[in-house]
Each structure stands twice: as C-alpha cells, then as structure tokens.
Amino acid sequence: MPKVVLYNQLGSQVGELELNNNVFGVEDNQQAIYQTVVAERAAMRQGTQKAKNRSEVSGGGRKPWRQKGTGRARQGSIRAPQWRGGGVVFAPTPRSHAIKVNKKVVRLAMRCALSAKVRNNNIVVLDDIQLETFKTKGLVEVLKAFNLQETKVALVLAEANGNVEIAGRNIPNVLVSNYSHVSVYQMMNAKNLVITKAAVEKFEEVLK
C-alpha cells in the first residue's frame, strides 16, 4: 500500500498515512480518463446556441413573382435560405450536449486520477486546514509552506469550509472543492493535489 507524509497546514510533518491500494494505487487507464473528461467537458456547455430557420424568420407570405414567364429562377418565398434575411439551413437549436458514461467508468477514472497524483508525488495530505478569517492571505500562506503558490492546485476538503472556500476565490490557480463535487477533469487539470486526511478517508470509503 502506498504511504504519504502527513503534514499540518504550516508545512511541518506530523506523521505518515497509509493509503488504500484499491483507490490510490491502481494502474493508469487512459481510456476511462478520456471518456470521463470528455463527458464532463461536454456537460459544462450551455447548449443555448440558436439561429432561426425559414419557418421562424418574418415575412415571406407571398410568392415574390409568378412561376413562369419572367425569365428568372422560380422562387417561393423571400425567406428561403438563399435570400438575404432568409432562414439558416440546419440552424442550431438549444440542446443538451451531455454524454452518458457508466458510473463504474467514472469511478475508475477518479481512482486513476488520484493514483496518478500519488505516483508522481504531486499530492500533499494535510491533517486539517482551518483559517481564522476568509482573507485570501491566509490560504496563500498555507500554499507558500509547500511552495505551491505558483502552480495549479486542487484543494479538496471533506466538508464545506466557508473561510477556505472564500479565501480561494481570489487565487486564479487554486480550485477549492468538496470531495463529492470535484471532477476528474479538475483533478487532472491541476498539477498538484492538496487534500485533507478526512477527504482521503471519504474517497476510500466511496471508491474502494
């Protein structure tokens, strides 16, 4: 089973933590990660793009000119796609871009993402993190203790923490999330993972 150093938020080592091999020690599965990330990115799309087709634009109730005898091509409506101001051919309409992925694949992808952080030594496990206020400065000091202030960081908590979440809003390279809300894409997009001991236990309980 993989072992990691357990730190406090000041950057001092306070012990070691043995991780569940079925969650933090699985082999890499690029296909599962790819399918899950594509689905998560697709779900982020609004799907509100809209253009009018020929039935939705105004006008066009009368035939522009008679069918025969003018020498010009026959026309049925000035709102046909070839006319200026006419409808759009195959116009986009609001729709969902969601892609279905099996739950087992999503869980496998999450295990792979967590294992990759452990394998590459890009994980920092904290015994706990508490800020006295919601000031950004407090969270920056925690990151500086691990030299992570310049890299993309995903900070994963076991439960909601208002001060930490608000403090992280003003740091562009930091994402603060709950263990049940963080996605595989967010995990892979961040170079380093900072996670509390309680969140590790939650992941092991859910994903084992």
Protein backbone atom coordinates (compact mmCIF):
# COMPACT_ATOMS: atom_id res chain seq x y z
CA MET A 1 0.00 0.00 0.00
CA PRO A 2 1.31 3.48 -0.85
CA LYS A 3 2.33 5.72 2.03
CA VAL A 4 2.43 9.51 2.10
CA VAL A 5 3.70 12.05 4.57
CA LEU A 6 1.05 13.75 6.69
CA TYR A 7 1.56 17.48 7.15
CA ASN A 8 -0.10 20.24 9.12
CA GLN A 9 -1.05 23.48 7.36
CA LEU A 10 2.20 25.13 8.48
CA GLY A 11 4.22 22.66 6.37
CA SER A 12 5.55 20.53 9.24
CA GLN A 13 5.49 16.75 9.12
CA VAL A 14 3.21 15.25 11.75
CA GLY A 15 3.22 11.61 10.70
CA GLU A 16 2.57 9.16 7.87
CA LEU A 17 -0.64 7.97 6.26
CA GLU A 18 -1.14 4.59 4.60
CA LEU A 19 -3.43 4.85 1.58
CA ASN A 20 -5.84 2.24 0.27
CA ASN A 21 -4.20 0.46 -2.65
CA ASN A 22 -7.55 -0.02 -4.42
CA VAL A 23 -8.07 3.75 -4.57
CA PHE A 24 -4.63 5.36 -4.61
CA GLY A 25 -2.57 2.58 -6.18
CA VAL A 26 -4.40 1.45 -9.33
CA GLU A 27 -2.85 1.20 -12.79
CA ASP A 28 -3.38 4.03 -15.24
CA ASN A 29 -6.38 3.69 -17.59
CA GLN A 30 -6.23 6.42 -20.22
CA GLN A 31 -9.46 5.35 -21.92
CA ALA A 32 -11.53 5.71 -18.75
CA ILE A 33 -10.00 9.13 -18.03
CA TYR A 34 -10.58 10.25 -21.62
CA GLN A 35 -14.24 9.21 -21.68
CA THR A 36 -14.93 10.83 -18.32
CA VAL A 37 -13.17 14.11 -19.11
CA VAL A 38 -14.93 14.41 -22.47
CA ALA A 39 -18.30 13.83 -20.78
CA GLU A 40 -17.55 16.35 -18.01
CA ARG A 41 -16.41 18.99 -20.51
CA ALA A 42 -19.49 18.40 -22.66
CA ALA A 43 -21.77 18.79 -19.63
CA MET A 44 -20.22 22.22 -18.99
CA ARG A 45 -21.54 23.54 -22.32
CA GLN A 46 -24.62 25.73 -22.07
CA GLY A 47 -26.22 24.38 -25.22
CA THR A 48 -28.14 27.64 -25.77
CA GLN A 49 -26.89 28.46 -29.28
CA LYS A 50 -29.83 29.39 -31.50
CA ALA A 51 -30.48 30.60 -35.05
CA LYS A 52 -33.76 30.94 -36.92
CA ASN A 53 -34.72 28.62 -39.75
CA ARG A 54 -37.02 29.61 -42.63
CA SER A 55 -40.17 28.90 -40.61
CA GLU A 56 -39.15 31.32 -37.86
CA VAL A 57 -38.00 34.43 -39.74
CA SER A 58 -40.58 37.10 -40.52
CA GLY A 59 -42.08 37.79 -43.94
CA GLY A 60 -42.33 35.57 -46.97
CA GLY A 61 -46.08 35.08 -47.05
CA ARG A 62 -46.34 35.98 -50.74
CA LYS A 63 -44.64 34.43 -53.75
CA PRO A 64 -42.08 37.02 -54.95
CA TRP A 65 -43.06 36.69 -58.62
CA ARG A 66 -45.08 34.36 -60.77
CA GLN A 67 -43.79 30.89 -61.53
CA LYS A 68 -43.24 31.25 -65.29
CA GLY A 69 -42.64 33.91 -67.85
CA THR A 70 -40.25 36.28 -66.07
CA GLY A 71 -37.02 34.66 -67.22
CA ARG A 72 -35.81 34.45 -63.65
CA ALA A 73 -35.46 31.38 -61.46
CA ARG A 74 -38.63 30.30 -59.73
CA GLN A 75 -38.95 31.44 -56.10
CA GLY A 76 -41.50 30.53 -53.46
CA SER A 77 -40.56 32.82 -50.55
CA ILE A 78 -38.18 35.65 -49.80
CA ARG A 79 -37.36 33.88 -46.53
CA ALA A 80 -35.74 30.88 -48.22
CA PRO A 81 -32.07 30.36 -47.22
CA GLN A 82 -30.65 31.82 -50.45
CA TRP A 83 -32.30 35.19 -49.80
CA ARG A 84 -30.77 37.97 -47.72
CA GLY A 85 -32.62 37.90 -44.39
CA GLY A 86 -33.77 34.36 -45.02
CA GLY A 87 -33.61 31.42 -42.64
CA VAL A 88 -30.49 29.45 -41.77
CA VAL A 89 -30.10 25.96 -43.21
CA PHE A 90 -29.91 23.33 -40.44
CA ALA A 91 -29.95 26.11 -37.84
CA PRO A 92 -28.56 25.23 -34.38
CA THR A 93 -31.20 24.94 -31.67
CA PRO A 94 -30.91 24.70 -27.85
CA ARG A 95 -29.98 21.17 -26.83
CA SER A 96 -28.13 19.20 -24.22
CA HIS A 97 -24.55 18.17 -25.00
CA ALA A 98 -24.49 15.59 -22.22
CA ILE A 99 -22.72 12.30 -22.89
CA LYS A 100 -23.61 9.19 -20.91
CA VAL A 101 -20.76 7.44 -19.13
CA ASN A 102 -21.22 4.44 -16.88
CA LYS A 103 -20.74 5.04 -13.15
CA LYS A 104 -18.12 2.30 -12.99
CA VAL A 105 -16.04 4.09 -15.63
CA VAL A 106 -16.30 7.42 -13.79
CA ARG A 107 -15.20 5.81 -10.51
CA LEU A 108 -12.32 4.06 -12.26
CA ALA A 109 -11.24 7.37 -13.80
CA MET A 110 -11.31 9.05 -10.37
CA ARG A 111 -9.19 6.26 -8.89
CA CYS A 112 -6.74 6.63 -11.78
CA ALA A 113 -6.54 10.40 -11.27
CA LEU A 114 -5.87 10.02 -7.53
CA SER A 115 -3.31 7.27 -8.16
CA ALA A 116 -1.50 9.41 -10.74
CA LYS A 117 -1.05 12.20 -8.18
CA VAL A 118 0.43 9.73 -5.68
CA ARG A 119 2.62 8.06 -8.30
CA ASN A 120 4.04 11.41 -9.48
CA ASN A 121 4.47 12.79 -5.94
CA ASN A 122 2.03 15.60 -6.71
CA ILE A 123 -0.10 15.11 -3.61
CA VAL A 124 0.03 16.86 -0.23
CA VAL A 125 -2.06 15.39 2.59
CA LEU A 126 -2.96 17.71 5.46
CA ASP A 127 -4.20 16.59 8.85
CA ASP A 128 -6.63 19.54 8.67
CA ILE A 129 -6.93 23.07 7.34
CA GLN A 130 -8.58 25.89 9.24
CA LEU A 131 -8.43 29.63 8.59
CA GLU A 132 -9.36 32.22 11.19
CA THR A 133 -10.85 34.53 8.55
CA PHE A 134 -11.84 34.36 4.90
CA LYS A 135 -8.89 36.55 3.87
CA THR A 136 -7.01 35.29 0.82
CA LYS A 137 -3.71 35.93 2.59
CA GLY A 138 -4.32 33.04 4.98
CA LEU A 139 -4.66 30.44 2.21
CA VAL A 140 -1.68 31.90 0.33
CA GLU A 141 0.48 31.33 3.40
CA VAL A 142 -0.60 27.69 3.52
CA LEU A 143 0.36 27.25 -0.15
CA LYS A 144 3.70 29.00 0.38
CA ALA A 145 4.53 26.49 3.10
CA PHE A 146 4.60 23.83 0.35
CA ASN A 147 5.92 26.08 -2.49
CA LEU A 148 2.63 25.69 -4.38
CA GLN A 149 1.71 29.37 -4.77
CA GLU A 150 2.75 29.44 -8.46
CA THR A 151 1.25 26.14 -9.65
CA LYS A 152 -2.27 24.93 -10.37
CA VAL A 153 -3.68 23.39 -7.21
CA ALA A 154 -6.85 21.44 -6.47
CA LEU A 155 -7.65 21.73 -2.77
CA VAL A 156 -10.10 19.00 -1.78
CA LEU A 157 -11.96 19.09 1.54
CA ALA A 158 -14.14 16.52 3.27
CA GLU A 159 -16.90 19.02 4.04
CA ALA A 160 -17.80 22.62 3.36
CA ASN A 161 -15.47 25.20 4.89
CA GLY A 162 -16.63 28.77 4.26
CA ASN A 163 -13.38 30.54 5.12
CA VAL A 164 -11.23 28.28 2.94
CA GLU A 165 -13.66 28.37 0.01
CA ILE A 166 -13.98 32.16 0.05
CA ALA A 167 -10.22 32.62 0.51
CA GLY A 168 -9.58 30.52 -2.60
CA ARG A 169 -11.85 32.53 -4.90
CA ASN A 170 -9.30 35.28 -5.50
CA ILE A 171 -6.44 32.91 -6.33
CA PRO A 172 -6.71 32.14 -10.07
CA ASN A 173 -4.63 28.94 -9.97
CA VAL A 174 -6.44 27.38 -6.98
CA LEU A 175 -9.65 25.36 -7.01
CA VAL A 176 -11.30 24.63 -3.66
CA SER A 177 -13.82 21.81 -3.79
CA ASN A 178 -15.58 19.16 -1.77
CA TYR A 179 -14.62 15.50 -2.27
CA SER A 180 -18.12 14.76 -3.59
CA HIS A 181 -18.07 17.63 -6.11
CA VAL A 182 -14.55 17.57 -7.54
CA SER A 183 -14.42 16.16 -11.07
CA VAL A 184 -11.83 14.04 -12.85
CA TYR A 185 -11.20 16.94 -15.24
CA GLN A 186 -10.48 19.33 -12.36
CA MET A 187 -8.20 16.74 -10.79
CA MET A 188 -6.23 16.17 -14.00
CA ASN A 189 -6.14 19.88 -14.87
CA ALA A 190 -4.37 20.72 -11.60
CA LYS A 191 -0.69 19.90 -11.29
CA ASN A 192 -0.83 19.37 -7.53
CA LEU A 193 -3.49 17.93 -5.26
CA VAL A 194 -3.80 19.21 -1.70
CA ILE A 195 -6.22 17.05 0.25
CA THR A 196 -7.20 16.70 3.89
CA LYS A 197 -6.92 13.42 5.76
CA ALA A 198 -10.70 13.38 6.23
CA ALA A 199 -11.21 13.74 2.45
CA VAL A 200 -8.80 10.82 1.84
CA GLU A 201 -10.93 8.68 4.14
CA LYS A 202 -14.08 9.76 2.31
CA PHE A 203 -12.57 8.83 -1.07
CA GLU A 204 -11.51 5.44 0.28
CA GLU A 205 -14.99 4.84 1.65
CA VAL A 206 -16.73 5.76 -1.60
CA LEU A 207 -14.32 4.36 -4.21
CA LYS A 208 -12.90 1.21 -2.61
